[in-house]
Amino acid sequence: MNASATFQPAVVRPAVEDRHWLSSDHCATPVLELLHALDWTVVDTPEANVHATSPDGRVDIGWLPEDPAAWTRDIVWRVQVQPTEGAAWVQEFGTHTPAEAVAGFVAALVAHSPR
């Protein structure tokens, strides 16, 4: 089968100088700004971790820069999802995952959910 070029995604090649986001700066800002814009409940802990809950309560996101258990497993982001039907699932992101990539994941996760 030969797919038509009209059905193929456009290839995006950012300039080399625009690829700074491909490595982590260990900053949560892109994700936290997205969650605030989506009206999620965002809570800072005394330990400097951040937990956010979606308005429907089915998605929890943790930014865990000071959680020893997370660092032992080399993660800093934890996304927990409880669907209305089906089993709960978790996606974790390592300490070197750029926050922009996590924000993209979260944006895709909520793209089709009702507000």
C-alpha atoms as a PDB file:
ATOM      1  CA  MET A   1       0.000   0.000   0.000  1.00  0.00           C
ATOM      2  CA  ASN A   2       1.344   3.398  -0.954  1.00  0.00           C
ATOM      3  CA  ALA A   3       0.050   6.221   1.238  1.00  0.00           C
ATOM      4  CA  SER A   4      -0.619   9.532  -0.376  1.00  0.00           C
ATOM      5  CA  ALA A   5       1.684  12.371   0.628  1.00  0.00           C
ATOM      6  CA  THR A   6      -1.388  14.351   1.708  1.00  0.00           C
ATOM      7  CA  PHE A   7      -1.911  11.904   4.574  1.00  0.00           C
ATOM      8  CA  GLN A   8       1.663  12.073   5.823  1.00  0.00           C
ATOM      9  CA  PRO A   9       2.547  14.426   8.690  1.00  0.00           C
ATOM     10  CA  ALA A  10       4.721  17.389   7.848  1.00  0.00           C
ATOM     11  CA  VAL A  11       8.352  16.938   8.812  1.00  0.00           C
ATOM     12  CA  VAL A  12       9.412  19.606  11.261  1.00  0.00           C
ATOM     13  CA  ARG A  13      13.109  20.218  11.605  1.00  0.00           C
ATOM     14  CA  PRO A  14      13.823  22.921  14.164  1.00  0.00           C
ATOM     15  CA  ALA A  15      17.070  24.790  13.815  1.00  0.00           C
ATOM     16  CA  VAL A  16      19.870  23.380  15.938  1.00  0.00           C
ATOM     17  CA  GLU A  17      19.816  26.456  18.174  1.00  0.00           C
ATOM     18  CA  ASP A  18      16.108  25.815  18.881  1.00  0.00           C
ATOM     19  CA  ARG A  19      16.796  22.363  20.333  1.00  0.00           C
ATOM     20  CA  HIS A  20      17.863  23.522  23.781  1.00  0.00           C
ATOM     21  CA  TRP A  21      14.725  21.924  25.218  1.00  0.00           C
ATOM     22  CA  LEU A  22      15.930  18.430  24.280  1.00  0.00           C
ATOM     23  CA  SER A  23      17.784  18.221  27.578  1.00  0.00           C
ATOM     24  CA  SER A  24      16.324  18.864  30.977  1.00  0.00           C
ATOM     25  CA  ASP A  25      17.032  22.005  32.945  1.00  0.00           C
ATOM     26  CA  HIS A  26      15.241  20.377  35.925  1.00  0.00           C
ATOM     27  CA  CYS A  27      12.572  23.079  35.892  1.00  0.00           C
ATOM     28  CA  ALA A  28       8.863  22.254  36.236  1.00  0.00           C
ATOM     29  CA  THR A  29       7.578  25.554  34.836  1.00  0.00           C
ATOM     30  CA  PRO A  30       6.177  24.324  31.466  1.00  0.00           C
ATOM     31  CA  VAL A  31       4.081  21.636  33.164  1.00  0.00           C
ATOM     32  CA  LEU A  32       2.954  23.774  36.078  1.00  0.00           C
ATOM     33  CA  GLU A  33       1.910  26.637  33.787  1.00  0.00           C
ATOM     34  CA  LEU A  34      -0.153  24.177  31.734  1.00  0.00           C
ATOM     35  CA  LEU A  35      -1.822  22.702  34.826  1.00  0.00           C
ATOM     36  CA  HIS A  36      -2.684  26.143  36.194  1.00  0.00           C
ATOM     37  CA  ALA A  37      -4.133  27.119  32.786  1.00  0.00           C
ATOM     38  CA  LEU A  38      -6.269  23.952  32.873  1.00  0.00           C
ATOM     39  CA  ASP A  39      -7.600  24.925  36.330  1.00  0.00           C
ATOM     40  CA  TRP A  40      -6.122  21.897  38.061  1.00  0.00           C
ATOM     41  CA  THR A  41      -5.673  21.929  41.823  1.00  0.00           C
ATOM     42  CA  VAL A  42      -1.936  22.397  42.405  1.00  0.00           C
ATOM     43  CA  VAL A  43      -0.436  21.984  45.881  1.00  0.00           C
ATOM     44  CA  ASP A  44       3.161  22.568  46.963  1.00  0.00           C
ATOM     45  CA  THR A  45       4.423  20.383  49.791  1.00  0.00           C
ATOM     46  CA  PRO A  46       6.774  21.575  52.529  1.00  0.00           C
ATOM     47  CA  GLU A  47       9.426  19.310  50.983  1.00  0.00           C
ATOM     48  CA  ALA A  48       9.267  21.302  47.690  1.00  0.00           C
ATOM     49  CA  ASN A  49       7.384  18.633  45.741  1.00  0.00           C
ATOM     50  CA  VAL A  50       4.260  19.546  43.780  1.00  0.00           C
ATOM     51  CA  HIS A  51       1.064  17.525  43.360  1.00  0.00           C
ATOM     52  CA  ALA A  52      -1.716  18.392  40.932  1.00  0.00           C
ATOM     53  CA  THR A  53      -5.170  16.890  40.469  1.00  0.00           C
ATOM     54  CA  SER A  54      -7.403  17.230  37.428  1.00  0.00           C
ATOM     55  CA  PRO A  55     -10.815  18.876  37.911  1.00  0.00           C
ATOM     56  CA  ASP A  56     -12.548  15.479  37.601  1.00  0.00           C
ATOM     57  CA  GLY A  57     -10.132  13.912  40.114  1.00  0.00           C
ATOM     58  CA  ARG A  58      -9.068  11.116  37.783  1.00  0.00           C
ATOM     59  CA  VAL A  59      -5.534  12.292  37.001  1.00  0.00           C
ATOM     60  CA  ASP A  60      -2.824  13.091  39.521  1.00  0.00           C
ATOM     61  CA  ILE A  61       0.564  14.464  38.563  1.00  0.00           C
ATOM     62  CA  GLY A  62       3.491  14.673  40.912  1.00  0.00           C
ATOM     63  CA  TRP A  63       6.685  16.644  40.425  1.00  0.00           C
ATOM     64  CA  LEU A  64       8.965  14.967  42.915  1.00  0.00           C
ATOM     65  CA  PRO A  65      12.372  16.679  43.000  1.00  0.00           C
ATOM     66  CA  GLU A  66      12.750  16.080  46.739  1.00  0.00           C
ATOM     67  CA  ASP A  67      11.156  12.636  47.064  1.00  0.00           C
ATOM     68  CA  PRO A  68      13.863  10.105  48.044  1.00  0.00           C
ATOM     69  CA  ALA A  69      11.792   7.152  46.768  1.00  0.00           C
ATOM     70  CA  ALA A  70      11.405   8.806  43.365  1.00  0.00           C
ATOM     71  CA  TRP A  71      15.095   9.670  43.107  1.00  0.00           C
ATOM     72  CA  THR A  72      16.039   6.104  44.063  1.00  0.00           C
ATOM     73  CA  ARG A  73      14.088   4.997  40.988  1.00  0.00           C
ATOM     74  CA  ASP A  74      15.486   7.896  38.893  1.00  0.00           C
ATOM     75  CA  ILE A  75      12.118   9.547  38.310  1.00  0.00           C
ATOM     76  CA  VAL A  76      10.955  13.094  38.917  1.00  0.00           C
ATOM     77  CA  TRP A  77       7.480  13.074  37.280  1.00  0.00           C
ATOM     78  CA  ARG A  78       4.666  10.626  38.061  1.00  0.00           C
ATOM     79  CA  VAL A  79       1.331  10.700  36.226  1.00  0.00           C
ATOM     80  CA  GLN A  80      -1.414   8.486  37.676  1.00  0.00           C
ATOM     81  CA  VAL A  81      -4.650   7.963  35.745  1.00  0.00           C
ATOM     82  CA  GLN A  82      -7.880   6.337  36.923  1.00  0.00           C
ATOM     83  CA  PRO A  83     -10.153   5.938  33.879  1.00  0.00           C
ATOM     84  CA  THR A  84     -13.921   5.763  34.322  1.00  0.00           C
ATOM     85  CA  GLU A  85     -13.685   2.242  32.944  1.00  0.00           C
ATOM     86  CA  GLY A  86     -10.675  -0.037  33.032  1.00  0.00           C
ATOM     87  CA  ALA A  87      -7.593  -0.366  35.151  1.00  0.00           C
ATOM     88  CA  ALA A  88      -5.607   2.520  36.560  1.00  0.00           C
ATOM     89  CA  TRP A  89      -2.237   3.197  34.980  1.00  0.00           C
ATOM     90  CA  VAL A  90       0.904   5.171  35.715  1.00  0.00           C
ATOM     91  CA  GLN A  91       3.480   6.904  33.547  1.00  0.00           C
ATOM     92  CA  GLU A  92       6.737   8.045  35.084  1.00  0.00           C
ATOM     93  CA  PHE A  93       9.407  10.300  33.611  1.00  0.00           C
ATOM     94  CA  GLY A  94      13.077  10.235  34.506  1.00  0.00           C
ATOM     95  CA  THR A  95      15.176  12.992  35.982  1.00  0.00           C
ATOM     96  CA  HIS A  96      16.557  13.942  32.570  1.00  0.00           C
ATOM     97  CA  THR A  97      13.206  14.153  30.754  1.00  0.00           C
ATOM     98  CA  PRO A  98      12.595  17.759  29.664  1.00  0.00           C
ATOM     99  CA  ALA A  99       9.566  19.375  31.285  1.00  0.00           C
ATOM    100  CA  GLU A 100       8.453  20.409  27.781  1.00  0.00           C
ATOM    101  CA  ALA A 101       8.141  16.709  26.885  1.00  0.00           C
ATOM    102  CA  VAL A 102       6.107  16.036  30.030  1.00  0.00           C
ATOM    103  CA  ALA A 103       3.906  19.055  29.238  1.00  0.00           C
ATOM    104  CA  GLY A 104       3.352  17.655  25.741  1.00  0.00           C
ATOM    105  CA  PHE A 105       2.355  14.302  27.227  1.00  0.00           C
ATOM    106  CA  VAL A 106      -0.089  15.979  29.625  1.00  0.00           C
ATOM    107  CA  ALA A 107      -1.526  18.155  26.842  1.00  0.00           C
ATOM    108  CA  ALA A 108      -2.137  15.052  24.719  1.00  0.00           C
ATOM    109  CA  LEU A 109      -3.661  13.235  27.699  1.00  0.00           C
ATOM    110  CA  VAL A 110      -6.246  15.942  28.302  1.00  0.00           C
ATOM    111  CA  ALA A 111      -6.791  17.012  24.699  1.00  0.00           C
ATOM    112  CA  HIS A 112     -10.103  15.199  24.322  1.00  0.00           C
ATOM    113  CA  SER A 113     -11.354  15.270  27.895  1.00  0.00           C
ATOM    114  CA  PRO A 114     -14.370  17.401  28.756  1.00  0.00           C
ATOM    115  CA  ARG A 115     -13.625  20.498  30.813  1.00  0.00           C
END
